[in-house]
Amino acid sequence: MAPRSVDPRSLDADERTVLEHILSADFDGASQLRNQLDRTELTAVWGPDSVSVDLQVREPCEHAALPTELVPVDAHVHDPSGTYIGEILVWTDRGATLAALEFAWVTDDMPTSLPTVMHGRLSWPP
């Protein structure tokens, strides 16, 4: 299913919290990506009730220099019992600007909310 465009809007609190958590990791380009958050807008959703979204960073912004389009952070999501249920992936546009936030789940049901950050881990359901 192709993403469905929406009127651009600022990140909501949950989206920003998850991105801040992932981008707090130490990797080349993390600082530049963190600095883009105030200029980042949500531009599309990946499907009805999906929490995976496309992002766009308004210029001017400092571009990152990542070697790949995928941010190199393992952001595993666990349920309250500690069971692995998926991961959060952050994609960039040619390694330079934030481009997508994806909740890749391994459960039968698609998550309808982003995980919360608890004790330095991504936990779901919130």
C-alpha atoms as a PDB file:
ATOM      1  CA  MET A   1       0.000   0.000   0.000  1.00  0.00           C
ATOM      2  CA  ALA A   2       1.379   3.394  -0.964  1.00  0.00           C
ATOM      3  CA  PRO A   3       1.603   6.100   1.697  1.00  0.00           C
ATOM      4  CA  ARG A   4      -1.362   8.471   1.811  1.00  0.00           C
ATOM      5  CA  SER A   5      -0.427  12.149   1.745  1.00  0.00           C
ATOM      6  CA  VAL A   6      -1.778  14.364   4.505  1.00  0.00           C
ATOM      7  CA  ASP A   7      -1.630  18.082   5.107  1.00  0.00           C
ATOM      8  CA  PRO A   8       1.859  18.638   6.531  1.00  0.00           C
ATOM      9  CA  ARG A   9       1.877  19.004  10.298  1.00  0.00           C
ATOM     10  CA  SER A  10       4.409  19.229  13.090  1.00  0.00           C
ATOM     11  CA  LEU A  11       5.434  16.087  14.921  1.00  0.00           C
ATOM     12  CA  ASP A  12       3.125  15.159  17.781  1.00  0.00           C
ATOM     13  CA  ALA A  13       4.520  14.506  21.265  1.00  0.00           C
ATOM     14  CA  ASP A  14       4.728  10.706  20.810  1.00  0.00           C
ATOM     15  CA  GLU A  15       6.477  10.934  17.435  1.00  0.00           C
ATOM     16  CA  ARG A  16       8.969  13.464  18.747  1.00  0.00           C
ATOM     17  CA  THR A  17       9.683  11.467  21.922  1.00  0.00           C
ATOM     18  CA  VAL A  18      10.416   8.289  19.956  1.00  0.00           C
ATOM     19  CA  LEU A  19      12.632  10.152  17.482  1.00  0.00           C
ATOM     20  CA  GLU A  20      14.496  11.958  20.272  1.00  0.00           C
ATOM     21  CA  HIS A  21      15.097   8.632  22.019  1.00  0.00           C
ATOM     22  CA  ILE A  22      16.502   6.968  18.893  1.00  0.00           C
ATOM     23  CA  LEU A  23      18.538   9.990  17.844  1.00  0.00           C
ATOM     24  CA  SER A  24      20.083  10.231  21.326  1.00  0.00           C
ATOM     25  CA  ALA A  25      22.344   7.335  20.319  1.00  0.00           C
ATOM     26  CA  ASP A  26      25.926   8.136  19.404  1.00  0.00           C
ATOM     27  CA  PHE A  27      26.477   7.692  15.662  1.00  0.00           C
ATOM     28  CA  ASP A  28      27.870   9.832  12.850  1.00  0.00           C
ATOM     29  CA  GLY A  29      25.174  12.293  11.796  1.00  0.00           C
ATOM     30  CA  ALA A  30      23.061  11.976  14.979  1.00  0.00           C
ATOM     31  CA  SER A  31      23.634  15.582  16.003  1.00  0.00           C
ATOM     32  CA  GLN A  32      22.530  16.909  12.607  1.00  0.00           C
ATOM     33  CA  LEU A  33      19.409  14.715  12.637  1.00  0.00           C
ATOM     34  CA  ARG A  34      18.529  15.848  16.179  1.00  0.00           C
ATOM     35  CA  ASN A  35      18.874  19.453  15.037  1.00  0.00           C
ATOM     36  CA  GLN A  36      16.327  18.774  12.257  1.00  0.00           C
ATOM     37  CA  LEU A  37      13.488  17.835  14.633  1.00  0.00           C
ATOM     38  CA  ASP A  38      12.146  21.380  15.010  1.00  0.00           C
ATOM     39  CA  ARG A  39      11.907  21.644  11.210  1.00  0.00           C
ATOM     40  CA  THR A  40      10.419  18.175  10.625  1.00  0.00           C
ATOM     41  CA  GLU A  41       6.852  17.710   9.410  1.00  0.00           C
ATOM     42  CA  LEU A  42       4.728  14.610   8.930  1.00  0.00           C
ATOM     43  CA  THR A  43       3.620  14.455   5.270  1.00  0.00           C
ATOM     44  CA  ALA A  44       2.046  10.993   4.791  1.00  0.00           C
ATOM     45  CA  VAL A  45       0.759   7.955   6.688  1.00  0.00           C
ATOM     46  CA  TRP A  46       1.465   4.433   5.508  1.00  0.00           C
ATOM     47  CA  GLY A  47      -2.111   3.231   5.823  1.00  0.00           C
ATOM     48  CA  PRO A  48      -5.313   3.525   7.821  1.00  0.00           C
ATOM     49  CA  ASP A  49      -4.484   3.566  11.564  1.00  0.00           C
ATOM     50  CA  SER A  50      -0.775   3.125  10.797  1.00  0.00           C
ATOM     51  CA  VAL A  51       1.763   4.840  13.033  1.00  0.00           C
ATOM     52  CA  SER A  52       4.414   4.559  10.300  1.00  0.00           C
ATOM     53  CA  VAL A  53       4.766   7.895   8.552  1.00  0.00           C
ATOM     54  CA  ASP A  54       6.726   9.854   5.976  1.00  0.00           C
ATOM     55  CA  LEU A  55       8.605  12.910   7.146  1.00  0.00           C
ATOM     56  CA  GLN A  56      10.021  15.980   5.473  1.00  0.00           C
ATOM     57  CA  VAL A  57      12.508  18.483   6.865  1.00  0.00           C
ATOM     58  CA  ARG A  58      11.983  22.117   5.922  1.00  0.00           C
ATOM     59  CA  GLU A  59      15.072  23.906   4.658  1.00  0.00           C
ATOM     60  CA  PRO A  60      17.333  25.440   5.689  1.00  0.00           C
ATOM     61  CA  CYS A  61      18.750  22.676   7.836  1.00  0.00           C
ATOM     62  CA  GLU A  62      22.083  21.066   8.524  1.00  0.00           C
ATOM     63  CA  HIS A  63      22.290  17.814   6.581  1.00  0.00           C
ATOM     64  CA  ALA A  64      23.687  14.631   8.068  1.00  0.00           C
ATOM     65  CA  ALA A  65      26.233  12.526   6.230  1.00  0.00           C
ATOM     66  CA  LEU A  66      25.072   8.971   6.851  1.00  0.00           C
ATOM     67  CA  PRO A  67      26.443   6.211   4.611  1.00  0.00           C
ATOM     68  CA  THR A  68      22.992   4.585   4.347  1.00  0.00           C
ATOM     69  CA  GLU A  69      19.365   5.700   4.386  1.00  0.00           C
ATOM     70  CA  LEU A  70      18.632   3.757   7.584  1.00  0.00           C
ATOM     71  CA  VAL A  71      19.666   5.305  10.906  1.00  0.00           C
ATOM     72  CA  PRO A  72      22.123   2.814  12.501  1.00  0.00           C
ATOM     73  CA  VAL A  73      20.284   2.285  15.807  1.00  0.00           C
ATOM     74  CA  ASP A  74      18.725  -0.928  17.108  1.00  0.00           C
ATOM     75  CA  ALA A  75      15.429   0.344  18.527  1.00  0.00           C
ATOM     76  CA  HIS A  76      13.732  -2.865  19.621  1.00  0.00           C
ATOM     77  CA  VAL A  77      10.242  -2.677  21.107  1.00  0.00           C
ATOM     78  CA  HIS A  78       9.166  -5.004  23.922  1.00  0.00           C
ATOM     79  CA  ASP A  79       5.820  -5.533  25.613  1.00  0.00           C
ATOM     80  CA  PRO A  80       5.526  -5.222  29.406  1.00  0.00           C
ATOM     81  CA  SER A  81       6.535  -8.874  29.859  1.00  0.00           C
ATOM     82  CA  GLY A  82       9.760  -8.281  27.901  1.00  0.00           C
ATOM     83  CA  THR A  83       8.672 -10.072  24.720  1.00  0.00           C
ATOM     84  CA  TYR A  84      10.111  -8.621  21.513  1.00  0.00           C
ATOM     85  CA  ILE A  85       7.266  -7.292  19.348  1.00  0.00           C
ATOM     86  CA  GLY A  86       9.100  -5.275  16.711  1.00  0.00           C
ATOM     87  CA  GLU A  87      11.374  -2.334  16.158  1.00  0.00           C
ATOM     88  CA  ILE A  88      11.324   1.305  15.225  1.00  0.00           C
ATOM     89  CA  LEU A  89      13.216   2.230  12.073  1.00  0.00           C
ATOM     90  CA  VAL A  90      14.168   5.784  11.177  1.00  0.00           C
ATOM     91  CA  TRP A  91      14.819   6.414   7.497  1.00  0.00           C
ATOM     92  CA  THR A  92      16.631   9.338   5.914  1.00  0.00           C
ATOM     93  CA  ASP A  93      16.563  10.910   2.497  1.00  0.00           C
ATOM     94  CA  ARG A  94      19.895   9.934   0.937  1.00  0.00           C
ATOM     95  CA  GLY A  95      21.417   9.835   4.428  1.00  0.00           C
ATOM     96  CA  ALA A  96      20.906  13.574   4.875  1.00  0.00           C
ATOM     97  CA  THR A  97      17.463  14.442   6.297  1.00  0.00           C
ATOM     98  CA  LEU A  98      14.760  12.625   8.239  1.00  0.00           C
ATOM     99  CA  ALA A  99      12.395  10.887   5.800  1.00  0.00           C
ATOM    100  CA  ALA A 100      10.295   8.268   7.653  1.00  0.00           C
ATOM    101  CA  LEU A 101       9.437   6.759  11.011  1.00  0.00           C
ATOM    102  CA  GLU A 102       8.453   3.074  10.783  1.00  0.00           C
ATOM    103  CA  PHE A 103       7.078   0.698  13.399  1.00  0.00           C
ATOM    104  CA  ALA A 104       8.009  -2.731  12.000  1.00  0.00           C
ATOM    105  CA  TRP A 105       6.015  -5.235  14.079  1.00  0.00           C
ATOM    106  CA  VAL A 106       6.192  -9.007  14.326  1.00  0.00           C
ATOM    107  CA  THR A 107       2.842  -9.537  16.036  1.00  0.00           C
ATOM    108  CA  ASP A 108      -0.452 -10.572  14.443  1.00  0.00           C
ATOM    109  CA  ASP A 109      -2.035  -7.156  14.939  1.00  0.00           C
ATOM    110  CA  MET A 110      -0.692  -3.879  13.638  1.00  0.00           C
ATOM    111  CA  PRO A 111       0.147  -1.466  16.454  1.00  0.00           C
ATOM    112  CA  THR A 112      -2.109   1.579  16.525  1.00  0.00           C
ATOM    113  CA  SER A 113       0.175   3.696  18.699  1.00  0.00           C
ATOM    114  CA  LEU A 114       3.885   4.276  19.020  1.00  0.00           C
ATOM    115  CA  PRO A 115       5.733   2.700  21.926  1.00  0.00           C
ATOM    116  CA  THR A 116       6.591   4.741  24.984  1.00  0.00           C
ATOM    117  CA  VAL A 117      10.080   5.303  26.315  1.00  0.00           C
ATOM    118  CA  MET A 118      10.308   3.689  29.744  1.00  0.00           C
ATOM    119  CA  HIS A 119      13.541   3.156  31.637  1.00  0.00           C
ATOM    120  CA  GLY A 120      15.556   3.841  28.496  1.00  0.00           C
ATOM    121  CA  ARG A 121      13.644   1.218  26.459  1.00  0.00           C
ATOM    122  CA  LEU A 122      10.836   1.356  23.951  1.00  0.00           C
ATOM    123  CA  SER A 123       7.818  -0.382  25.483  1.00  0.00           C
ATOM    124  CA  TRP A 124       4.397  -1.250  24.050  1.00  0.00           C
ATOM    125  CA  PRO A 125       1.504  -1.182  24.562  1.00  0.00           C
ATOM    126  CA  PRO A 126       1.668   2.190  26.257  1.00  0.00           C
END
